[in-house]
Protein backbone atom coordinates (compact mmCIF):
# COMPACT_ATOMS: atom_id res chain seq x y z
CA MET A 1 0.00 0.00 0.00
CA ALA A 2 1.38 3.42 -0.96
CA PHE A 3 2.34 5.79 1.84
CA LYS A 4 0.15 8.90 2.17
CA THR A 5 1.13 12.24 3.70
CA GLY A 6 -0.46 15.67 3.77
CA PHE A 7 -0.94 18.99 5.49
CA VAL A 8 -4.37 19.16 7.12
CA ASN A 9 -4.99 22.76 8.10
CA ILE A 10 -7.79 23.96 10.37
CA VAL A 11 -9.29 27.40 9.68
CA GLY A 12 -12.22 29.35 11.06
CA LYS A 13 -13.38 32.32 13.10
CA PRO A 14 -12.19 32.80 16.71
CA ASN A 15 -13.71 30.52 19.35
CA VAL A 16 -15.15 27.89 17.00
CA GLY A 17 -12.96 25.20 18.61
CA LYS A 18 -9.96 24.90 16.27
CA SER A 19 -7.44 24.25 19.03
CA THR A 20 -9.77 21.85 20.84
CA LEU A 21 -10.22 19.93 17.60
CA MET A 22 -6.51 19.70 16.89
CA ASN A 23 -5.76 18.51 20.42
CA ALA A 24 -8.47 15.87 20.07
CA LEU A 25 -7.23 14.69 16.67
CA ILE A 26 -3.62 14.26 17.76
CA GLY A 27 -4.41 12.99 21.26
CA GLU A 28 -2.17 15.52 22.99
CA LYS A 29 -2.58 19.06 24.28
CA MET A 30 -0.48 20.86 21.70
CA ALA A 31 -2.48 24.08 21.47
CA ILE A 32 -3.64 26.15 24.43
CA VAL A 33 -7.38 26.53 24.85
CA THR A 34 -9.35 29.28 26.60
CA ALA A 35 -12.75 30.89 26.21
CA LYS A 36 -11.13 34.12 25.00
CA ALA A 37 -10.93 35.05 21.33
CA GLN A 38 -7.48 35.19 19.70
CA THR A 39 -6.02 32.63 22.11
CA THR A 40 -4.00 31.12 19.25
CA ARG A 41 -1.40 33.50 17.86
CA HIS A 42 0.93 31.17 15.97
CA ARG A 43 0.47 28.39 13.48
CA ILE A 44 0.97 25.23 15.52
CA ILE A 45 1.76 21.88 13.93
CA GLY A 46 0.94 18.48 15.42
CA ILE A 47 1.99 15.29 13.63
CA VAL A 48 0.17 11.95 13.67
CA ASN A 49 2.08 8.96 12.33
CA GLY A 50 0.60 5.64 11.22
CA GLU A 51 1.90 2.54 9.48
CA ASP A 52 1.08 3.90 6.03
CA PHE A 53 0.36 7.59 6.63
CA GLN A 54 1.55 10.81 8.23
CA ILE A 55 -0.93 13.61 8.93
CA VAL A 56 0.53 17.04 9.61
CA PHE A 57 -2.25 18.90 11.41
CA SER A 58 -2.03 22.67 11.62
CA ASP A 59 -3.96 24.91 14.03
CA THR A 60 -4.22 28.55 12.98
CA PRO A 61 -5.26 31.85 14.59
CA GLY A 62 -8.95 32.74 14.41
CA ILE A 63 -9.62 34.80 11.29
CA ILE A 64 -10.20 38.49 12.01
CA LYS A 65 -9.75 41.86 10.33
CA PRO A 66 -6.34 42.96 11.71
CA ASN A 67 -5.99 46.24 13.60
CA TYR A 68 -2.27 46.25 14.44
CA GLY A 69 1.02 44.57 13.48
CA LEU A 70 0.67 41.48 15.65
CA GLN A 71 -2.74 40.67 14.19
CA LYS A 72 -1.42 41.21 10.64
CA SER A 73 1.32 38.67 11.35
CA MET A 74 -1.26 36.25 12.78
CA MET A 75 -3.31 36.52 9.60
CA SER A 76 -0.20 35.84 7.50
CA PHE A 77 -0.01 32.42 9.22
CA VAL A 78 -3.58 31.77 8.07
CA LYS A 79 -2.70 32.80 4.51
CA ASP A 80 0.15 30.28 4.50
CA ALA A 81 -2.25 27.60 5.73
CA TYR A 82 -4.53 28.13 2.71
CA GLU A 83 -1.61 27.90 0.32
CA ASP A 84 0.08 24.71 1.54
CA ALA A 85 -2.99 22.69 2.60
CA ASP A 86 -3.67 19.29 1.09
CA VAL A 87 -6.85 19.08 3.15
CA LEU A 88 -8.62 22.15 4.54
CA LEU A 89 -10.88 21.72 7.57
CA ILE A 90 -13.33 24.66 7.56
CA LEU A 91 -14.65 24.84 11.09
CA VAL A 92 -18.00 26.48 11.83
CA GLU A 93 -20.37 26.41 14.81
CA PRO A 94 -24.17 25.97 14.88
CA LYS A 95 -25.25 29.63 14.78
CA GLN A 96 -22.85 30.71 12.06
CA GLU A 97 -23.94 31.45 8.53
CA LEU A 98 -22.10 32.35 5.33
CA LYS A 99 -22.10 36.08 6.18
CA HIS A 100 -20.16 35.35 9.38
CA ILE A 101 -17.21 33.90 7.46
CA GLU A 102 -17.19 36.30 4.52
CA LEU A 103 -13.67 37.42 5.47
CA PHE A 104 -12.28 34.15 4.16
CA THR A 105 -14.77 32.56 1.76
CA GLY A 106 -12.71 33.93 -1.14
CA SER A 107 -9.59 32.17 0.16
CA ILE A 108 -11.54 28.94 0.57
CA LYS A 109 -12.73 29.05 -3.02
CA LYS A 110 -9.22 29.76 -4.34
CA SER A 111 -7.64 26.91 -2.37
CA THR A 112 -6.84 23.79 -4.40
CA ALA A 113 -7.01 21.60 -1.29
CA LYS A 114 -9.70 19.04 -0.59
CA LYS A 115 -12.22 20.77 1.65
CA ILE A 116 -14.17 19.37 4.60
CA LEU A 117 -16.84 21.60 6.14
CA VAL A 118 -16.85 20.66 9.82
CA LEU A 119 -19.84 21.67 11.93
CA ASN A 120 -18.38 21.72 15.45
CA LYS A 121 -20.27 21.88 18.77
CA SER A 122 -22.98 19.70 17.25
CA ASP A 123 -23.76 18.39 20.75
CA GLN A 124 -25.79 21.61 21.04
CA LEU A 125 -28.17 20.34 18.34
CA ASP A 126 -30.60 17.46 18.00
CA THR A 127 -30.49 15.19 14.96
CA ALA A 128 -32.83 17.40 12.93
CA GLY A 129 -30.79 20.48 13.84
CA LYS A 130 -27.57 18.86 12.63
CA GLU A 131 -29.17 17.86 9.35
CA GLU A 132 -30.59 21.36 8.87
CA ARG A 133 -27.24 23.07 9.46
CA LEU A 134 -25.33 20.66 7.21
CA ALA A 135 -27.95 21.15 4.48
CA TYR A 136 -27.47 24.92 4.80
CA TRP A 137 -23.71 24.65 4.28
CA LYS A 138 -24.08 22.22 1.37
CA GLU A 139 -26.20 24.86 -0.32
CA HIS A 140 -23.98 27.85 0.45
CA LEU A 141 -20.35 26.65 0.46
CA GLU A 142 -18.79 24.13 -1.89
CA ALA A 143 -16.76 21.42 -0.19
CA ASN A 144 -15.82 17.78 -0.76
CA SER A 145 -17.43 16.58 2.48
CA TYR A 146 -19.71 17.90 5.24
CA LEU A 147 -19.54 16.50 8.78
CA ALA A 148 -21.01 17.28 12.20
CA ILE A 149 -18.75 16.69 15.21
CA SER A 150 -18.13 17.72 18.80
CA ALA A 151 -14.42 18.27 19.37
CA LEU A 152 -14.97 18.83 23.09
CA GLU A 153 -16.88 15.58 23.53
CA LYS A 154 -14.77 13.81 20.88
CA LYS A 155 -17.80 12.75 18.87
CA GLY A 156 -17.62 12.23 15.12
CA LEU A 157 -13.82 12.25 15.06
CA GLY A 158 -13.58 8.70 13.71
CA MET A 159 -15.51 9.62 10.56
CA LEU A 160 -13.53 12.85 10.21
CA ASN A 161 -10.26 10.92 10.38
CA LYS A 162 -11.51 8.51 7.70
CA LYS A 163 -12.32 11.42 5.40
CA ILE A 164 -8.94 13.04 6.03
CA LYS A 165 -7.02 9.83 5.24
CA LYS A 166 -9.11 9.37 2.08
CA TYR A 167 -8.05 12.80 0.79
CA LEU A 168 -4.35 12.56 1.66
CA PRO A 169 -2.07 12.48 -1.40
CA LYS A 170 0.43 9.70 -1.95
CA HIS A 171 3.73 11.07 -0.72
CA PRO A 172 6.67 10.10 1.54
CA PRO A 173 6.57 11.54 5.08
CA TYR A 174 7.58 15.17 5.46
CA TYR A 175 8.87 14.67 9.01
CA ALA A 176 10.59 11.89 10.92
CA THR A 177 8.05 9.20 11.77
CA ASP A 178 8.62 9.70 15.51
CA ALA A 179 8.15 13.50 15.34
CA PHE A 180 5.05 15.07 16.91
CA THR A 181 5.58 18.79 16.21
CA ASP A 182 7.91 21.28 14.56
CA LYS A 183 7.98 23.60 17.57
CA PRO A 184 10.81 23.67 20.17
CA GLU A 185 10.26 23.05 23.89
CA ARG A 186 10.65 26.76 24.64
CA PHE A 187 7.58 27.51 22.52
CA PHE A 188 5.35 25.17 24.50
CA MET A 189 6.65 26.55 27.78
CA SER A 190 5.80 30.09 26.70
CA GLU A 191 2.33 29.00 25.52
CA ILE A 192 1.57 27.29 28.84
CA ILE A 193 2.40 30.52 30.67
CA ARG A 194 0.36 32.61 28.23
CA GLU A 195 -2.62 30.32 28.70
CA LYS A 196 -2.55 31.05 32.44
CA ILE A 197 -2.39 34.79 31.74
CA LEU A 198 -5.43 34.48 29.49
CA GLN A 199 -7.29 32.60 32.22
CA ASN A 200 -6.38 34.89 35.12
CA TYR A 201 -6.64 38.44 33.74
CA LYS A 202 -9.52 40.38 32.24
CA GLU A 203 -10.10 43.05 29.59
CA GLU A 204 -7.09 43.97 27.46
CA ILE A 205 -4.31 42.57 29.67
CA PRO A 206 -4.14 39.09 28.04
CA TYR A 207 -4.02 40.60 24.56
CA SER A 208 -1.28 43.10 25.37
CA VAL A 209 1.35 40.71 26.72
CA GLU A 210 3.83 38.32 25.17
CA VAL A 211 5.85 35.61 26.89
CA VAL A 212 9.48 35.09 25.90
CA ILE A 213 11.59 32.28 27.37
CA GLU A 214 14.91 33.82 28.32
CA SER A 215 16.45 30.64 29.71
CA PHE A 216 15.49 26.95 29.39
CA LYS A 217 17.95 24.56 31.07
CA ASP A 218 16.98 20.90 30.84
CA GLU A 219 18.88 19.12 33.63
CA PRO A 220 18.64 15.39 34.50
CA LYS A 221 15.98 15.83 37.21
CA ILE A 222 14.59 19.31 36.63
CA ILE A 223 14.00 21.95 33.95
CA ARG A 224 14.94 25.48 35.04
CA VAL A 225 13.05 28.21 33.20
CA THR A 226 13.23 31.99 33.28
CA ALA A 227 10.39 33.65 31.39
CA LEU A 228 9.88 37.32 30.56
CA ILE A 229 6.34 38.67 30.35
CA TYR A 230 6.38 41.75 28.14
CA CYS A 231 3.49 44.17 28.63
CA ASN A 232 2.29 46.87 26.26
CA LYS A 233 1.80 49.68 28.77
CA LYS A 234 3.38 50.84 32.04
CA SER A 235 0.00 50.67 33.74
CA HIS A 236 -0.25 46.95 33.00
CA LYS A 237 2.83 45.93 34.98
CA PRO A 238 1.38 46.36 38.50
CA ILE A 239 -1.80 44.56 37.41
CA LEU A 240 0.21 41.63 36.12
CA ILE A 241 2.25 41.42 39.31
CA GLY A 242 -0.67 41.92 41.71
CA LYS A 243 -0.61 43.00 45.33
CA GLY A 244 2.53 41.65 46.95
CA GLY A 245 3.22 39.62 43.80
CA SER A 246 0.07 37.53 44.33
CA MET A 247 -1.12 37.38 40.72
CA LEU A 248 2.29 36.59 39.27
CA LYS A 249 2.72 33.83 41.87
CA LYS A 250 -0.67 32.36 40.93
CA VAL A 251 0.17 32.35 37.23
CA GLY A 252 3.57 30.83 37.94
CA THR A 253 2.16 28.06 40.12
CA GLU A 254 -0.54 27.10 37.61
CA ALA A 255 1.92 27.19 34.70
CA ARG A 256 4.47 25.10 36.58
CA ILE A 257 1.90 22.40 37.38
CA ASP A 258 0.80 22.12 33.73
CA ALA A 259 4.38 22.24 32.46
CA GLU A 260 5.39 19.36 34.72
CA VAL A 261 2.62 17.25 33.18
CA PHE A 262 3.58 18.30 29.63
CA PHE A 263 7.34 17.74 30.01
CA GLY A 264 7.13 14.85 32.50
CA LYS A 265 9.70 16.47 34.76
CA LYS A 266 9.98 18.86 37.70
CA ILE A 267 9.98 22.53 36.70
CA PHE A 268 11.57 25.51 38.40
CA LEU A 269 9.91 28.60 36.93
CA GLU A 270 10.92 32.23 37.39
CA LEU A 271 8.63 34.91 35.93
CA LEU A 272 9.72 38.50 35.32
CA VAL A 273 7.53 41.35 34.03
CA LYS A 274 9.04 43.94 31.68
CA ILE A 275 7.57 46.87 29.76
CA LYS A 276 7.85 46.97 25.96
CA GLU A 277 5.51 49.74 24.95
CA ASN A 278 3.66 49.24 21.64
CA TRP A 279 5.45 45.95 20.96
CA ARG A 280 2.44 44.75 18.93
CA ASP A 281 3.28 47.32 16.21
CA ASN A 282 7.07 47.02 16.39
CA ASP A 283 8.33 44.99 13.42
CA PHE A 284 11.73 44.41 15.02
CA LEU A 285 10.21 43.00 18.23
CA LEU A 286 7.63 40.97 16.35
CA LYS A 287 10.42 39.36 14.34
CA GLN A 288 12.35 38.58 17.54
CA MET A 289 9.20 37.02 19.01
CA GLY A 290 8.72 34.75 16.00
CA TYR A 291 5.78 36.50 14.34
CA GLN A 292 7.69 37.63 11.26
CA SER A 293 10.29 35.88 9.12
């Protein structure tokens, strides 16, 4: 049997469950998940290897109209995902209609990839509701397949995987067959910390910070990490730290616990807060932070 390999890229509006779906498909928590929009900033790859296939899944930022440099860079990751996809998973949720995804319907039509319209959060609908929503999308958006799933409850994923494997092109593996991502350990450490910031702060704070790993020392029994939290305004620093350092300690404790599960090793984590005003519109800083090539 010929070996099959392909890039399977997940696209959609913010909060439709792209990261939850990717985590469910690969069986690992590769992408951070919160209830806040724009949780995903980078394009994150997770690799699933089988005896005769390799699926390179790709989670992408939620599609928005960009307002500043960081968001423009985020949307460039989405553009790349359209261009290199072998299979495009177009994720929508029950209440969405064609007008809600008009920002990217043109890109979908131009893509030469096989397209699967995936109705996520279908646990919110009864059988008739699922059929009605799938019928709507069949009428309004051309795709090769239409499926209803629940990424959170892991329902319908078996059929989705069958469809994906059917559409994969015959090709040797792109990555080593024991690889599970293209991202370094430092990236996942920074994302774990950022997830805790998203969960613990309100309003604009989570969207105005970036986490940079200054030091990552993997020793035999422990990983020692120093992470810098860059904030966009001077007024944000005391909020991030909290009274007597309480908030920073809370974030650090929660991040350390999750990191120890992810890396399977004890973690010593030091968090420092620094001010980098207007970093989201600074091309030099964005490049240093991995948002621009």
